[in-house]
Amino acid sequence: MEIAIFSILAVLIGLTIGALGGYFGRGLLQSKSYAAAQSEAAQILEDAGDERRAIIIEGKEEALKFRTEAEAEIRERRSEVQRTERRVANRQENVERRASNLERRERKLTDSEKKVTDLERSLTELKAKRKQRLQEMKTEHMQQQEVMRSEQLVRLEEISGLSIADARNELMYSAEQEIQHDLAIRYRDLEEQARLEGNEKARNILALAIHRFAADVVSEATVTTVQLPSDDMKGRLIGREGRNIRAIEKATGVDLIIDDTPEAVTLSCFDPVRREIARLAVTSLVSDGRIHPARIEEMVGRSEKEVSDIIWKCGEEAALEVGVRGLHPDVVRLLGRLKYRYSYGENVLQHSIEVAHMSGMIASEIGANVKVAKAGGLLHDLGKALSHEVEGPHAEIGADVASKHSVAKAVCTCIAEHHDDVMSTTEAFIVSAADAISAARPGSRRDTAENYIKRLEALEEVGRAFDGVEKCYAIQAGREVRVMVKPQSVDDATAVKMANDIVKKIEATLVYPGQIKVTVIRESRAISYAR
């Protein structure tokens, strides 16, 4: 028991001694650390004091340096100010001297200007006097020259026996005769050479173009007759009190002629498109058998749409066949309408396609613009699609329509000039030539020789009926009338009036297709012989 107590006491004493030893050891360490920190702090303070003293010394030195420099700069500026004041004083003296010099010069200049003014006044007066004297001398000289010239002219007239006017006329006449003789010889030689070469080359080109284009020569004829299954159908077409026939004529604008022709009715209308619409409508009504006003309107509407589609398709096919692109839809539609237009039995659309092909061939041979020639050939008769709707020649109508729908100007020129004598472009001449070839080839147009001759004779009789007409000829298949008048009876103004009168008489008395050109020719000839 006692041992345990002693053991506990020994442990307690040991712990107490250990704690005291630790406490005193820690205190000793802390005192050492504190002493070291104080020593280090003292050293830092000492270093800071040294550094402070160094900075203060350096600042004093810097301030002394700045003060020295400032004093030097002040001294320099003072000296510069003194120099500036001296220069200003010198300049002021110079300005005063210059001012006095300028005053002296101004006085001298004023005196000089006064003298110059006096001299100018004197010089002006002297020039005026000299000019007046020169004018007087010139007038006297001209009078003397005029007198001498008059005397010379009188002397020359006495020597030559001719007046001045007669001598001038004689000289001019002699010169004109010589020049005209030389020009006539030169013109004759050149004309003969050009005729030989041009005829041969043109013959070859046209022959080649015609040979290359081998089109059918069979003329088509417009169909104006509708076949009926029986004569009983005529009564049904007429209807009760004629209501059906009136409905057909009102809806189509075509006259329906029902006569004694067996199993057939005739359609009459100036517009071939409306006639075709009426033909299709009547054919459909006859096939259907139901004929009454409502059915008639329905069939006419269908026929109009069908004909419109055919017109568009034909126009597109024609442009595609020829190779003309970029045409306005309205132009294509007008081109398709030519399918139902005929001229002397010749289908105008087929004729236009033929002219386009031939124009392109001729243009390619002579090096002209093939595209313009083809387009001009295809559209040259475009005005015939509107000839019943617009007044004027079909060439002008076609050119105006093409121009309004953005067709090239060169193509419009071909359309407008294809019936003129003088063409402004090579392509227009080509289209005119191709048009003449297509219309003149055998079988292209259906017209009897008797009717042809009668039409030409009627045109010539109209021209010969006027006073002063010597000869009258109808040429170009009746498209032109040339009237030759007597120059003694008809002057130039009367010739113009006669041409207009002949045109008016032709329009009032004759029936003709297209346009007719009237040319009145008045000429006087001077003939002499060299013996």
Protein backbone atom coordinates (compact mmCIF):
# COMPACT_ATOMS: atom_id res chain seq x y z
CA MET A 1 0.00 0.00 0.00
CA GLU A 2 2.74 2.33 1.00
CA ILE A 3 4.62 1.36 -2.11
CA ALA A 4 1.73 2.40 -4.27
CA ILE A 5 1.46 5.73 -2.44
CA PHE A 6 5.18 6.32 -2.85
CA SER A 7 4.92 5.44 -6.49
CA ILE A 8 2.08 7.92 -7.02
CA LEU A 9 3.96 10.62 -5.14
CA ALA A 10 7.07 9.91 -7.15
CA VAL A 11 5.05 10.22 -10.37
CA LEU A 12 3.47 13.46 -9.20
CA ILE A 13 6.82 14.90 -8.16
CA GLY A 14 8.31 13.90 -11.53
CA LEU A 15 5.45 15.49 -13.39
CA THR A 16 5.80 18.63 -11.31
CA ILE A 17 9.51 18.83 -11.91
CA GLY A 18 8.98 18.18 -15.64
CA ALA A 19 6.38 20.88 -15.86
CA LEU A 20 8.56 23.39 -14.03
CA GLY A 21 11.54 22.48 -16.20
CA GLY A 22 9.46 22.91 -19.35
CA TYR A 23 8.08 26.25 -18.17
CA PHE A 24 11.52 27.64 -17.31
CA GLY A 25 12.97 26.25 -20.54
CA ARG A 26 10.25 27.84 -22.61
CA GLY A 27 10.77 31.14 -20.75
CA LEU A 28 14.49 30.91 -21.40
CA LEU A 29 13.88 30.30 -25.10
CA GLN A 30 11.44 33.17 -25.29
CA SER A 31 13.88 35.50 -23.57
CA LYS A 32 16.55 34.51 -26.06
CA SER A 33 14.17 35.05 -28.98
CA TYR A 34 13.16 38.42 -27.57
CA ALA A 35 16.76 39.45 -27.13
CA ALA A 36 17.50 38.41 -30.72
CA ALA A 37 14.46 40.33 -31.99
CA GLN A 38 15.52 43.42 -30.08
CA SER A 39 18.99 43.15 -31.50
CA GLU A 40 17.57 42.75 -35.02
CA ALA A 41 15.20 45.69 -34.53
CA ALA A 42 18.02 47.88 -33.31
CA GLN A 43 20.05 46.93 -36.36
CA ILE A 44 17.07 47.74 -38.64
CA LEU A 45 16.63 51.11 -36.95
CA GLU A 46 20.29 51.85 -37.35
CA ASP A 47 20.19 50.89 -41.03
CA ALA A 48 17.08 53.02 -41.53
CA GLY A 49 18.80 55.97 -39.87
CA ASP A 50 21.80 55.57 -42.19
CA GLU A 51 19.56 55.33 -45.19
CA ARG A 52 17.59 58.39 -44.04
CA ARG A 53 20.77 60.40 -43.67
CA ALA A 54 21.91 59.27 -47.14
CA ILE A 55 18.58 60.28 -48.69
CA ILE A 56 18.67 63.66 -46.96
CA ILE A 57 22.21 64.25 -48.19
CA GLU A 58 21.25 63.17 -51.72
CA GLY A 59 18.16 65.46 -51.66
CA LYS A 60 20.26 68.41 -50.55
CA GLU A 61 22.74 67.73 -53.31
CA GLU A 62 19.91 67.44 -55.88
CA ALA A 63 18.31 70.65 -54.64
CA LEU A 64 21.65 72.40 -54.86
CA LYS A 65 22.09 71.11 -58.39
CA PHE A 66 18.58 72.30 -59.44
CA ARG A 67 19.22 75.69 -57.88
CA THR A 68 22.47 76.03 -59.75
CA GLU A 69 20.84 75.09 -63.05
CA ALA A 70 17.89 77.43 -62.44
CA GLU A 71 20.22 80.31 -61.69
CA ALA A 72 22.18 79.56 -64.88
CA GLU A 73 18.96 79.38 -66.95
CA ILE A 74 17.73 82.66 -65.44
CA ARG A 75 20.99 84.33 -66.31
CA GLU A 76 20.78 82.95 -69.87
CA ARG A 77 17.20 84.12 -70.29
CA ARG A 78 18.06 87.55 -69.00
CA SER A 79 20.85 87.81 -71.54
CA GLU A 80 18.47 86.58 -74.28
CA VAL A 81 15.86 89.16 -73.28
CA GLN A 82 18.50 91.84 -73.44
CA ARG A 83 19.52 90.68 -76.93
CA THR A 84 15.84 90.63 -78.00
CA GLU A 85 15.34 94.15 -76.71
CA ARG A 86 18.36 95.29 -78.69
CA ARG A 87 17.04 93.58 -81.87
CA VAL A 88 13.59 95.13 -81.38
CA ALA A 89 15.15 98.52 -80.98
CA ASN A 90 17.18 98.00 -84.17
CA ARG A 91 14.11 96.83 -86.07
CA GLN A 92 12.13 99.82 -84.91
CA GLU A 93 14.84 102.05 -86.23
CA ASN A 94 14.83 100.17 -89.56
CA VAL A 95 11.02 100.43 -89.80
CA GLU A 96 11.19 104.14 -89.21
CA ARG A 97 13.84 104.47 -91.92
CA ARG A 98 11.79 102.33 -94.36
CA ALA A 99 8.67 104.36 -93.63
CA SER A 100 10.48 107.54 -94.50
CA ASN A 101 11.84 105.87 -97.68
CA LEU A 102 8.35 104.68 -98.65
CA GLU A 103 6.96 108.15 -98.23
CA ARG A 104 9.65 109.50 -100.54
CA ARG A 105 8.97 106.72 -103.11
CA GLU A 106 5.21 107.27 -102.93
CA ARG A 107 5.71 110.95 -103.72
CA LYS A 108 7.94 110.01 -106.65
CA LEU A 109 5.42 107.36 -107.86
CA THR A 110 2.57 109.86 -107.73
CA ASP A 111 4.57 112.25 -109.83
CA SER A 112 5.44 109.44 -112.30
CA GLU A 113 1.78 108.37 -112.59
CA LYS A 114 0.78 111.90 -113.37
CA LYS A 115 3.40 112.08 -116.09
CA VAL A 116 2.30 108.68 -117.54
CA THR A 117 -1.34 109.80 -117.59
CA ASP A 118 -0.36 112.91 -119.50
CA LEU A 119 1.66 110.79 -121.95
CA GLU A 120 -1.20 108.31 -122.47
CA ARG A 121 -3.62 111.12 -123.16
CA SER A 122 -1.24 112.55 -125.70
CA LEU A 123 -0.65 109.10 -127.27
CA THR A 124 -4.42 108.44 -127.55
CA GLU A 125 -4.95 111.73 -129.32
CA LEU A 126 -2.06 110.95 -131.64
CA LYS A 127 -3.44 107.46 -132.46
CA ALA A 128 -6.89 108.87 -133.19
CA LYS A 129 -5.39 111.38 -135.58
CA ARG A 130 -3.27 108.69 -137.28
CA LYS A 131 -6.27 106.31 -137.56
CA GLN A 132 -8.38 109.03 -139.10
CA ARG A 133 -5.61 109.80 -141.54
CA LEU A 134 -5.14 106.13 -142.44
CA GLN A 135 -8.88 105.72 -143.00
CA GLU A 136 -8.88 108.71 -145.30
CA MET A 137 -5.88 107.32 -147.19
CA LYS A 138 -7.53 103.88 -147.44
CA THR A 139 -10.74 105.38 -148.78
CA GLU A 140 -8.81 107.34 -151.36
CA HIS A 141 -6.85 104.21 -152.33
CA MET A 142 -10.01 102.13 -152.70
CA GLN A 143 -11.61 104.82 -154.80
CA GLN A 144 -8.55 104.89 -157.03
CA GLN A 145 -8.55 101.07 -157.31
CA GLU A 146 -12.26 101.04 -158.13
CA VAL A 147 -11.73 103.61 -160.85
CA MET A 148 -8.76 101.67 -162.25
CA ARG A 149 -10.72 98.38 -162.09
CA SER A 150 -13.65 99.94 -163.88
CA GLU A 151 -11.36 101.28 -166.55
CA GLN A 152 -9.67 97.86 -166.89
CA LEU A 153 -13.02 96.04 -167.11
CA VAL A 154 -14.26 98.48 -169.74
CA ARG A 155 -11.05 98.01 -171.67
CA LEU A 156 -11.28 94.19 -171.41
CA GLU A 157 -14.90 94.22 -172.51
CA GLU A 158 -13.94 96.36 -175.51
CA ILE A 159 -11.10 93.99 -176.42
CA SER A 160 -13.01 90.70 -175.89
CA GLY A 161 -16.42 91.84 -177.04
CA LEU A 162 -18.04 90.11 -173.97
CA SER A 163 -19.55 91.46 -170.79
CA ILE A 164 -18.41 90.27 -167.34
CA ALA A 165 -21.48 88.08 -166.84
CA ASP A 166 -21.09 86.56 -170.33
CA ALA A 167 -17.41 85.82 -169.74
CA ARG A 168 -18.15 84.22 -166.35
CA ASN A 169 -20.93 82.08 -167.81
CA GLU A 170 -18.74 81.04 -170.72
CA LEU A 171 -15.91 80.01 -168.40
CA MET A 172 -18.21 78.10 -166.05
CA TYR A 173 -19.97 76.35 -168.91
CA SER A 174 -16.66 75.24 -170.43
CA ALA A 175 -15.43 73.90 -167.07
CA GLU A 176 -18.71 72.11 -166.37
CA GLN A 177 -18.71 70.47 -169.79
CA GLU A 178 -15.18 69.16 -169.37
CA ILE A 179 -15.82 67.89 -165.82
CA GLN A 180 -19.13 66.28 -166.74
CA HIS A 181 -17.59 64.58 -169.75
CA ASP A 182 -14.79 63.11 -167.67
CA LEU A 183 -17.20 62.05 -164.91
CA ALA A 184 -19.59 60.49 -167.39
CA ILE A 185 -16.81 58.40 -168.94
CA ARG A 186 -15.52 57.35 -165.51
CA TYR A 187 -19.01 56.61 -164.20
CA ARG A 188 -19.86 54.57 -167.29
CA ASP A 189 -16.72 52.44 -166.96
CA LEU A 190 -17.24 51.86 -163.22
CA GLU A 191 -20.94 51.14 -163.68
CA GLU A 192 -20.23 48.62 -166.42
CA GLN A 193 -17.56 46.90 -164.33
CA ALA A 194 -19.78 46.83 -161.21
CA ARG A 195 -22.73 45.54 -163.25
CA LEU A 196 -20.71 42.67 -164.70
CA GLU A 197 -19.19 41.65 -161.37
CA GLY A 198 -22.36 42.24 -159.33
CA ASN A 199 -24.67 40.38 -161.70
CA GLU A 200 -22.42 37.35 -161.79
CA LYS A 201 -21.91 37.24 -158.01
CA ALA A 202 -25.59 37.88 -157.24
CA ARG A 203 -26.62 35.19 -159.72
CA ASN A 204 -24.34 32.67 -158.04
CA ILE A 205 -25.51 33.57 -154.52
CA LEU A 206 -29.22 33.44 -155.37
CA ALA A 207 -28.85 30.20 -157.31
CA LEU A 208 -27.00 28.62 -154.40
CA ALA A 209 -29.59 29.80 -151.85
CA ILE A 210 -32.52 28.58 -153.96
CA HIS A 211 -30.80 25.26 -154.54
CA ARG A 212 -30.13 24.78 -150.83
CA PHE A 213 -33.72 25.53 -149.83
CA ALA A 214 -36.07 23.07 -151.52
CA ALA A 215 -39.54 23.86 -150.14
CA ASP A 216 -42.87 22.51 -151.29
CA VAL A 217 -44.50 24.53 -154.05
CA VAL A 218 -48.04 23.38 -153.39
CA SER A 219 -50.24 26.31 -152.37
CA GLU A 220 -52.70 25.84 -149.53
CA ALA A 221 -56.24 27.19 -149.72
CA THR A 222 -58.38 28.51 -146.92
CA VAL A 223 -61.36 26.31 -145.92
CA THR A 224 -64.67 28.20 -145.65
CA THR A 225 -67.08 25.31 -146.23
CA VAL A 226 -68.39 22.95 -143.54
CA GLN A 227 -69.75 19.59 -144.67
CA LEU A 228 -73.03 18.41 -143.15
CA PRO A 229 -74.20 14.82 -142.69
CA SER A 230 -77.57 15.72 -144.29
CA ASP A 231 -79.61 18.67 -145.44
CA ASP A 232 -81.81 18.32 -142.36
CA MET A 233 -78.91 19.72 -140.32
CA LYS A 234 -79.37 23.08 -142.09
CA GLY A 235 -82.74 23.54 -140.44
CA ARG A 236 -81.29 22.71 -137.03
CA LEU A 237 -78.47 25.22 -137.59
CA ILE A 238 -81.07 27.88 -138.44
CA GLY A 239 -83.22 26.99 -135.41
CA ARG A 240 -86.64 28.16 -134.48
CA GLU A 241 -87.21 31.61 -136.03
CA GLY A 242 -83.48 31.73 -136.82
CA ARG A 243 -82.27 31.90 -133.20
CA ASN A 244 -79.44 29.39 -133.67
CA ILE A 245 -77.96 31.05 -136.75
CA ARG A 246 -78.18 34.45 -135.05
CA ALA A 247 -76.44 33.06 -131.97
CA ILE A 248 -73.65 31.57 -134.13
CA GLU A 249 -73.11 34.80 -136.07
CA LYS A 250 -73.17 36.91 -132.88
CA ALA A 251 -70.74 34.66 -130.98
CA THR A 252 -68.26 34.21 -133.86
CA GLY A 253 -68.66 37.41 -135.89
CA VAL A 254 -68.91 35.27 -139.04
CA ASP A 255 -71.73 35.23 -141.61
CA LEU A 256 -73.22 31.74 -141.90
CA ILE A 257 -74.51 31.34 -145.46
CA ILE A 258 -76.99 28.51 -145.93
CA ASP A 259 -77.92 28.12 -149.60
CA ASP A 260 -78.89 25.34 -152.01
CA THR A 261 -75.47 23.69 -151.87
CA PRO A 262 -76.16 20.11 -150.86
CA GLU A 263 -74.95 19.01 -147.45
CA ALA A 264 -72.74 22.08 -146.93
CA VAL A 265 -72.81 25.58 -145.41
CA THR A 266 -70.45 28.46 -146.18
CA LEU A 267 -68.65 30.70 -143.68
CA SER A 268 -67.86 34.29 -144.73
CA CYS A 269 -65.62 36.68 -142.74
CA PHE A 270 -62.72 39.01 -143.47
CA ASP A 271 -60.84 37.72 -140.39
CA PRO A 272 -59.34 34.27 -141.07
CA VAL A 273 -58.91 33.54 -137.35
CA ARG A 274 -62.56 34.18 -136.59
CA ARG A 275 -63.49 32.13 -139.64
CA GLU A 276 -61.45 29.22 -138.30
CA ILE A 277 -63.09 29.55 -134.87
CA ALA A 278 -66.50 29.46 -136.53
CA ARG A 279 -65.53 26.43 -138.63
CA LEU A 280 -64.43 24.46 -135.58
CA ALA A 281 -67.50 25.50 -133.60
CA VAL A 282 -69.96 24.57 -136.38
CA THR A 283 -68.16 21.25 -136.96
CA SER A 284 -68.37 20.43 -133.23
CA LEU A 285 -72.07 21.39 -133.09
CA VAL A 286 -72.87 19.22 -136.10
CA SER A 287 -70.98 16.27 -134.60
CA ASP A 288 -72.62 16.71 -131.20
CA GLY A 289 -76.13 17.22 -132.55
CA ARG A 290 -77.24 19.43 -129.66
CA ILE A 291 -77.69 22.87 -131.19
CA HIS A 292 -79.11 25.69 -129.06
CA PRO A 293 -77.81 29.14 -127.99
CA ALA A 294 -76.23 27.97 -124.72
CA ARG A 295 -74.49 25.06 -126.44
CA ILE A 296 -73.37 27.37 -129.23
CA GLU A 297 -71.66 29.74 -126.78
CA GLU A 298 -69.95 26.81 -125.06
CA MET A 299 -68.65 25.39 -128.36
CA VAL A 300 -67.47 28.81 -129.55
CA GLY A 301 -65.56 29.27 -126.28
CA ARG A 302 -63.87 25.88 -126.69
CA SER A 303 -63.04 26.65 -130.32
CA GLU A 304 -61.50 29.99 -129.36
CA LYS A 305 -59.26 28.29 -126.80
CA GLU A 306 -58.34 25.58 -129.31
CA VAL A 307 -57.47 28.11 -132.01
CA SER A 308 -55.51 30.20 -129.49
CA ASP A 309 -53.47 27.12 -128.53
CA ILE A 310 -52.90 26.29 -132.21
CA ILE A 311 -51.78 29.87 -132.92
CA TRP A 312 -49.30 29.82 -130.03
CA LYS A 313 -47.97 26.40 -130.99
CA CYS A 314 -47.55 27.38 -134.65
CA GLY A 315 -45.73 30.59 -133.69
CA GLU A 316 -43.37 28.71 -131.36
CA GLU A 317 -42.70 26.02 -133.95
CA ALA A 318 -41.95 28.61 -136.64
CA ALA A 319 -39.49 30.49 -134.39
CA LEU A 320 -37.88 27.20 -133.33
CA GLU A 321 -37.58 25.96 -136.90
CA VAL A 322 -35.88 29.13 -138.09
CA GLY A 323 -33.73 29.49 -134.95
CA VAL A 324 -34.97 32.92 -133.82
CA ARG A 325 -34.95 33.22 -130.03
CA GLY A 326 -36.05 35.76 -127.45
CA LEU A 327 -39.27 36.88 -129.15
CA HIS A 328 -41.99 38.49 -127.03
CA PRO A 329 -45.02 36.22 -126.45
CA ASP A 330 -47.28 38.72 -128.26
CA VAL A 331 -44.99 38.61 -131.30
CA VAL A 332 -45.03 34.79 -131.24
CA ARG A 333 -48.83 34.84 -131.08
CA LEU A 334 -49.07 37.27 -134.02
CA LEU A 335 -46.67 35.07 -135.95
CA GLY A 336 -48.92 32.06 -135.30
CA ARG A 337 -51.94 33.98 -136.60
CA LEU A 338 -50.28 34.05 -140.02
CA LYS A 339 -51.14 30.33 -140.28
CA TYR A 340 -54.67 31.43 -141.16
CA ARG A 341 -53.59 34.25 -143.49
CA TYR A 342 -53.23 33.68 -147.24
CA SER A 343 -51.95 35.89 -150.04
CA TYR A 344 -52.90 34.76 -153.54
CA GLY A 345 -53.38 31.26 -152.19
CA GLU A 346 -49.96 31.22 -150.49
CA ASN A 347 -49.89 30.59 -146.75
CA VAL A 348 -48.19 33.61 -145.18
CA LEU A 349 -46.64 31.68 -142.24
CA GLN A 350 -45.07 29.12 -144.58
CA HIS A 351 -43.93 31.99 -146.81
CA SER A 352 -42.33 33.76 -143.81
CA ILE A 353 -40.46 30.60 -142.76
CA GLU A 354 -39.22 30.15 -146.33
CA VAL A 355 -38.06 33.79 -146.52
CA ALA A 356 -36.26 33.42 -143.16
CA HIS A 357 -34.35 30.33 -144.32
CA MET A 358 -33.43 31.91 -147.65
CA SER A 359 -32.37 35.19 -145.99
CA GLY A 360 -30.08 33.30 -143.63
CA MET A 361 -28.50 31.42 -146.56
CA ILE A 362 -27.90 34.58 -148.57
CA ALA A 363 -26.53 36.41 -145.52
CA SER A 364 -24.11 33.57 -144.76
CA GLU A 365 -22.86 33.63 -148.36
CA ILE A 366 -22.11 37.38 -148.44
CA GLY A 367 -20.92 37.71 -144.83
CA ALA A 368 -23.90 39.66 -143.45
CA ASN A 369 -25.54 39.22 -140.04
CA VAL A 370 -27.31 35.86 -140.30
CA LYS A 371 -29.36 36.28 -137.09
CA VAL A 372 -30.73 39.67 -138.14
CA ALA A 373 -31.50 38.41 -141.65
CA LYS A 374 -33.35 35.34 -140.33
CA ALA A 375 -35.35 37.33 -137.79
CA GLY A 376 -36.20 39.96 -140.41
CA GLY A 377 -37.28 37.27 -142.88
CA LEU A 378 -39.46 35.50 -140.32
CA LEU A 379 -41.18 38.71 -139.15
CA HIS A 380 -41.26 40.67 -142.43
CA ASP A 381 -45.01 40.02 -142.96
CA LEU A 382 -45.95 40.32 -139.28
CA GLY A 383 -48.18 43.30 -140.10
CA LYS A 384 -50.46 41.09 -142.21
CA ALA A 385 -51.72 39.52 -138.97
CA LEU A 386 -53.17 42.96 -138.11
CA SER A 387 -53.89 44.29 -141.60
CA HIS A 388 -57.65 44.09 -140.98
CA GLU A 389 -57.39 45.82 -137.59
CA VAL A 390 -54.86 48.62 -138.15
CA GLU A 391 -54.77 51.01 -141.09
CA GLY A 392 -51.60 51.40 -143.11
CA PRO A 393 -49.13 49.28 -145.12
CA HIS A 394 -48.34 45.94 -143.53
CA ALA A 395 -44.60 46.70 -143.55
CA GLU A 396 -45.05 49.79 -141.38
CA ILE A 397 -47.57 48.03 -139.13
CA GLY A 398 -45.21 45.08 -138.60
CA ALA A 399 -42.23 47.34 -137.88
CA ASP A 400 -44.22 49.36 -135.32
CA VAL A 401 -45.48 46.23 -133.54
CA ALA A 402 -42.00 44.69 -133.46
CA SER A 403 -40.47 47.90 -132.13
CA LYS A 404 -43.05 48.13 -129.33
CA HIS A 405 -42.19 44.57 -128.24
CA SER A 406 -38.41 45.20 -127.95
CA VAL A 407 -37.37 43.56 -131.23
CA ALA A 408 -33.88 44.68 -132.33
CA LYS A 409 -33.76 47.90 -134.35
CA ALA A 410 -31.91 46.20 -137.24
CA VAL A 411 -34.72 43.61 -137.51
CA CYS A 412 -37.39 46.35 -137.45
CA THR A 413 -35.53 48.06 -140.29
CA CYS A 414 -35.71 44.85 -142.36
CA ILE A 415 -39.47 44.63 -141.70
CA ALA A 416 -40.14 48.28 -142.58
CA GLU A 417 -38.01 48.38 -145.76
CA HIS A 418 -38.66 45.01 -147.40
CA HIS A 419 -40.91 46.66 -150.04
CA ASP A 420 -38.85 49.86 -150.52
CA ASP A 421 -36.60 50.62 -153.46
CA VAL A 422 -33.78 51.91 -151.28
CA MET A 423 -32.69 49.94 -148.19
CA SER A 424 -30.53 51.35 -145.42
CA THR A 425 -28.91 48.03 -144.43
CA THR A 426 -27.58 44.96 -146.18
CA GLU A 427 -29.88 42.68 -144.19
CA ALA A 428 -32.95 44.66 -145.32
CA PHE A 429 -31.91 44.20 -148.96
CA ILE A 430 -31.41 40.46 -148.33
CA VAL A 431 -34.90 40.11 -146.82
CA SER A 432 -36.42 42.00 -149.75
CA ALA A 433 -34.64 39.75 -152.25
CA ALA A 434 -35.65 36.56 -150.40
CA ASP A 435 -39.26 37.79 -150.25
CA ALA A 436 -39.27 38.35 -154.00
CA ILE A 437 -37.73 34.92 -154.67
CA SER A 438 -40.24 33.14 -152.44
CA ALA A 439 -43.23 34.90 -153.99
CA ALA A 440 -42.06 34.56 -157.60
CA ARG A 441 -41.08 30.90 -157.73
CA PRO A 442 -43.43 28.66 -159.74
CA GLY A 443 -46.47 27.40 -157.84
CA SER A 444 -46.03 29.64 -154.82
CA ARG A 445 -49.04 31.79 -155.59
CA ARG A 446 -52.33 30.83 -157.14
CA ASP A 447 -53.55 33.50 -159.53
CA THR A 448 -54.68 33.14 -163.13
CA ALA A 449 -52.83 34.98 -165.84
CA GLU A 450 -56.06 36.61 -166.91
CA ASN A 451 -56.70 38.14 -163.46
CA TYR A 452 -53.07 39.19 -163.19
CA ILE A 453 -53.15 40.98 -166.54
CA LYS A 454 -56.47 42.64 -165.73
CA ARG A 455 -55.11 43.98 -162.45
CA LEU A 456 -52.04 45.44 -164.16
CA GLU A 457 -54.11 46.97 -166.97
CA ALA A 458 -56.46 48.58 -164.46
CA LEU A 459 -53.50 50.19 -162.67
CA GLU A 460 -52.05 51.49 -165.94
CA GLU A 461 -55.43 52.88 -167.04
CA VAL A 462 -55.71 54.85 -163.79
CA GLY A 463 -52.31 56.44 -164.41
CA ARG A 464 -52.92 57.21 -168.10
CA ALA A 465 -56.21 58.97 -167.30
CA PHE A 466 -54.37 62.08 -166.07
CA ASP A 467 -53.35 64.93 -168.36
CA GLY A 468 -49.67 65.26 -169.21
CA VAL A 469 -48.94 61.51 -168.77
CA GLU A 470 -46.72 60.14 -171.53
CA LYS A 471 -46.34 56.51 -170.40
CA CYS A 472 -47.54 54.39 -167.48
CA TYR A 473 -46.22 50.98 -166.37
CA ALA A 474 -47.33 48.62 -163.60
CA ILE A 475 -44.32 46.67 -162.28
CA GLN A 476 -43.39 44.33 -159.43
CA ALA A 477 -46.57 42.24 -159.82
CA GLY A 478 -48.73 45.32 -159.45
CA ARG A 479 -47.04 46.63 -156.31
CA GLU A 480 -45.64 49.73 -158.05
CA VAL A 481 -46.89 52.08 -160.76
CA ARG A 482 -44.38 54.24 -162.61
CA VAL A 483 -45.84 57.22 -164.44
CA MET A 484 -43.69 59.15 -166.93
CA VAL A 485 -44.97 62.67 -167.61
CA LYS A 486 -44.17 65.26 -170.29
CA PRO A 487 -41.76 67.82 -168.82
CA GLN A 488 -43.28 70.60 -170.91
CA SER A 489 -46.78 70.02 -169.48
CA VAL A 490 -46.00 69.00 -165.88
CA ASP A 491 -43.63 70.81 -163.53
CA ASP A 492 -42.14 69.50 -160.29
CA ALA A 493 -44.95 70.78 -158.04
CA THR A 494 -47.61 69.36 -160.36
CA ALA A 495 -45.80 65.99 -160.40
CA VAL A 496 -46.10 65.73 -156.61
CA LYS A 497 -49.79 66.60 -156.77
CA MET A 498 -50.33 64.09 -159.59
CA ALA A 499 -48.78 61.28 -157.53
CA ASN A 500 -51.17 62.02 -154.64
CA ASP A 501 -54.15 62.18 -157.01
CA ILE A 502 -53.27 58.83 -158.59
CA VAL A 503 -52.99 57.25 -155.12
CA LYS A 504 -56.41 58.57 -154.15
CA LYS A 505 -57.98 57.29 -157.38
CA ILE A 506 -56.43 53.82 -156.93
CA GLU A 507 -57.72 53.63 -153.37
CA ALA A 508 -61.21 54.69 -154.46
CA THR A 509 -61.63 52.52 -157.57
CA LEU A 510 -59.51 49.37 -157.22
CA VAL A 511 -59.32 46.41 -154.85
CA TYR A 512 -55.78 45.19 -154.18
CA PRO A 513 -53.75 43.40 -151.49
CA GLY A 514 -51.02 45.14 -149.48
CA GLN A 515 -49.80 48.51 -150.78
CA ILE A 516 -49.09 50.05 -154.19
CA LYS A 517 -46.26 52.53 -154.69
CA VAL A 518 -46.84 55.34 -157.20
CA THR A 519 -43.76 56.98 -158.75
CA VAL A 520 -44.12 59.98 -161.04
CA ILE A 521 -41.01 60.54 -163.20
CA ARG A 522 -40.34 63.89 -164.83
CA GLU A 523 -37.10 64.39 -166.72
CA SER A 524 -35.69 66.59 -169.44
CA ARG A 525 -32.82 65.46 -171.65
CA ALA A 526 -30.25 67.51 -173.56
CA ILE A 527 -28.78 65.61 -176.53
CA SER A 528 -26.02 66.80 -178.87
CA TYR A 529 -23.70 65.07 -181.32
CA ALA A 530 -19.97 65.52 -181.90
CA ARG A 531 -19.31 65.68 -185.63
